[in-house]
């Protein structure tokens, strides 16, 4: 067993850690087992954690996995597939209505702009609005 890891091996292990699935728990023991494929021997936790790059990759990935877990824990899931389908249908309908409302607002804004340019001079349109008196 080699006493020191090469830069290539360290990079391979950090990539292994960075690509660790967020659905799976990450521990030093699991990393040691997974890095056995890269190194052709099973390193110890102490050997891996003593390398700053590997340790930083582990801490970062562990935080990412924990934050993903917190996000999924807070999700409120429908009780059935039918309830989920109804919820999706309602959200799609709300989305369609909001898009229609946004479209009508954009049309009104275009009309305001068009009418403002017909009755006002371009210099008046570019003039900054007066500051409000907050006394």
Protein backbone atom coordinates (compact mmCIF):
# COMPACT_ATOMS: atom_id res chain seq x y z
CA UNK A 1 0.00 0.00 0.00
CA UNK A 2 1.49 3.36 -1.01
CA UNK A 3 2.16 5.86 1.75
CA UNK A 4 1.17 8.94 -0.25
CA UNK A 5 -1.57 9.62 -2.75
CA UNK A 6 -0.67 11.08 -6.12
CA UNK A 7 -2.37 14.23 -7.36
CA UNK A 8 -4.18 12.11 -9.95
CA UNK A 9 -5.56 9.83 -7.23
CA UNK A 10 -6.62 12.77 -5.07
CA UNK A 11 -8.37 14.37 -8.03
CA UNK A 12 -10.14 11.08 -8.83
CA UNK A 13 -11.36 10.73 -5.24
CA UNK A 14 -12.56 14.36 -5.06
CA UNK A 15 -14.45 13.85 -8.34
CA UNK A 16 -15.96 10.69 -6.87
CA UNK A 17 -17.13 12.71 -3.85
CA UNK A 18 -18.44 15.62 -5.97
CA UNK A 19 -20.47 13.22 -8.10
CA UNK A 20 -21.89 11.39 -5.08
CA UNK A 21 -25.68 10.98 -5.56
CA UNK A 22 -27.71 13.36 -3.43
CA UNK A 23 -30.19 10.57 -2.74
CA UNK A 24 -27.56 8.53 -0.90
CA UNK A 25 -25.95 9.16 2.48
CA UNK A 26 -22.25 10.05 2.39
CA UNK A 27 -19.83 8.79 5.04
CA UNK A 28 -16.09 8.30 5.21
CA UNK A 29 -16.56 4.52 5.26
CA UNK A 30 -18.63 4.64 2.07
CA UNK A 31 -16.05 6.91 0.43
CA UNK A 32 -13.26 4.48 1.41
CA UNK A 33 -15.18 1.62 -0.18
CA UNK A 34 -15.94 3.63 -3.34
CA UNK A 35 -12.36 4.84 -3.69
CA UNK A 36 -11.20 1.23 -3.65
CA UNK A 37 -12.17 1.12 -7.33
CA UNK A 38 -9.94 4.12 -8.09
CA UNK A 39 -6.96 3.18 -5.90
CA UNK A 40 -7.15 -0.62 -6.16
CA UNK A 41 -6.93 -0.84 -2.36
CA UNK A 42 -9.19 0.35 0.45
CA UNK A 43 -7.73 3.45 2.11
CA UNK A 44 -8.44 4.42 5.69
CA UNK A 45 -10.66 7.30 6.71
CA UNK A 46 -7.69 9.00 8.35
CA UNK A 47 -5.62 8.78 5.16
CA UNK A 48 -8.38 10.35 3.09
CA UNK A 49 -9.43 13.01 5.59
CA UNK A 50 -5.84 14.17 6.04
CA UNK A 51 -5.84 15.43 2.43
CA UNK A 52 -7.27 18.95 2.42
CA UNK A 53 -8.84 18.71 -1.06
CA UNK A 54 -10.62 15.48 -0.21
CA UNK A 55 -11.74 16.79 3.16
CA UNK A 56 -13.12 20.00 1.62
CA UNK A 57 -14.94 18.05 -1.09
CA UNK A 58 -16.45 15.78 1.56
CA UNK A 59 -17.65 18.65 3.76
CA UNK A 60 -19.11 20.52 0.80
CA UNK A 61 -20.92 17.49 -0.58
CA UNK A 62 -22.22 16.53 2.86
CA UNK A 63 -23.73 20.02 3.25
CA UNK A 64 -25.30 19.80 -0.23
CA UNK A 65 -26.85 16.44 0.54
CA UNK A 66 -28.16 17.70 3.89
CA UNK A 67 -29.71 20.78 2.27
CA UNK A 68 -31.37 18.65 -0.44
CA UNK A 69 -32.73 16.37 2.29
CA UNK A 70 -34.18 19.36 4.18
CA UNK A 71 -35.80 20.60 0.97
CA UNK A 72 -37.45 17.27 0.26
CA UNK A 73 -38.49 16.81 3.91
CA UNK A 74 -40.48 20.07 3.74
CA UNK A 75 -42.36 19.11 0.58
CA UNK A 76 -46.04 18.48 1.01
CA UNK A 77 -46.90 15.55 -1.21
CA UNK A 78 -50.40 14.79 -2.45
CA UNK A 79 -51.96 11.69 -0.95
CA UNK A 80 -52.66 10.03 -4.28
CA UNK A 81 -51.89 10.20 -7.95
CA UNK A 82 -55.39 11.57 -8.57
CA UNK A 83 -54.85 14.38 -6.07
CA UNK A 84 -51.52 15.20 -7.71
CA UNK A 85 -53.14 15.29 -11.16
CA UNK A 86 -55.88 17.62 -9.89
CA UNK A 87 -53.29 19.87 -8.27
CA UNK A 88 -51.27 20.00 -11.51
CA UNK A 89 -54.42 20.78 -13.54
CA UNK A 90 -55.35 23.61 -11.16
CA UNK A 91 -51.84 25.07 -11.28
CA UNK A 92 -51.81 24.90 -15.09
CA UNK A 93 -55.15 26.71 -15.23
CA UNK A 94 -53.90 29.38 -12.81
CA UNK A 95 -50.76 29.75 -14.93
CA UNK A 96 -52.88 30.16 -18.08
CA UNK A 97 -55.04 32.83 -16.42
CA UNK A 98 -51.98 34.73 -15.14
CA UNK A 99 -50.40 34.65 -18.60
CA UNK A 100 -53.62 36.05 -20.11
CA UNK A 101 -53.71 38.80 -17.46
CA UNK A 102 -50.04 39.62 -18.09
CA UNK A 103 -50.72 39.79 -21.82
CA UNK A 104 -53.60 42.25 -21.34
CA UNK A 105 -51.43 44.38 -19.01
CA UNK A 106 -48.64 44.42 -21.61
CA UNK A 107 -51.16 45.51 -24.27
CA UNK A 108 -52.39 48.31 -22.00
CA UNK A 109 -48.79 49.42 -21.37
CA UNK A 110 -48.14 49.48 -25.14
CA UNK A 111 -51.26 51.62 -25.62
CA UNK A 112 -50.15 54.03 -22.85
CA UNK A 113 -46.70 54.36 -24.38
CA UNK A 114 -48.08 54.87 -27.87
CA UNK A 115 -50.58 57.51 -26.70
CA UNK A 116 -47.98 59.24 -24.53
CA UNK A 117 -45.63 59.63 -27.50
CA UNK A 118 -48.43 61.13 -29.62
CA UNK A 119 -49.46 63.79 -27.10
CA UNK A 120 -46.10 64.52 -25.48
CA UNK A 121 -42.75 65.46 -26.88
CA UNK A 122 -39.91 62.96 -26.62
CA UNK A 123 -37.96 65.29 -24.29
CA UNK A 124 -40.92 65.40 -21.87
CA UNK A 125 -41.07 61.58 -21.81
CA UNK A 126 -37.34 61.32 -21.01
CA UNK A 127 -37.54 63.87 -18.18
CA UNK A 128 -37.07 62.36 -14.71
CA UNK A 129 -40.10 62.44 -12.43
CA UNK A 130 -39.99 65.00 -9.62
CA UNK A 131 -38.73 63.87 -6.22
CA UNK A 132 -41.48 63.25 -3.70
CA UNK A 133 -41.67 65.52 -0.66
CA UNK A 134 -41.52 63.21 2.36
CA UNK A 135 -42.00 65.88 5.02
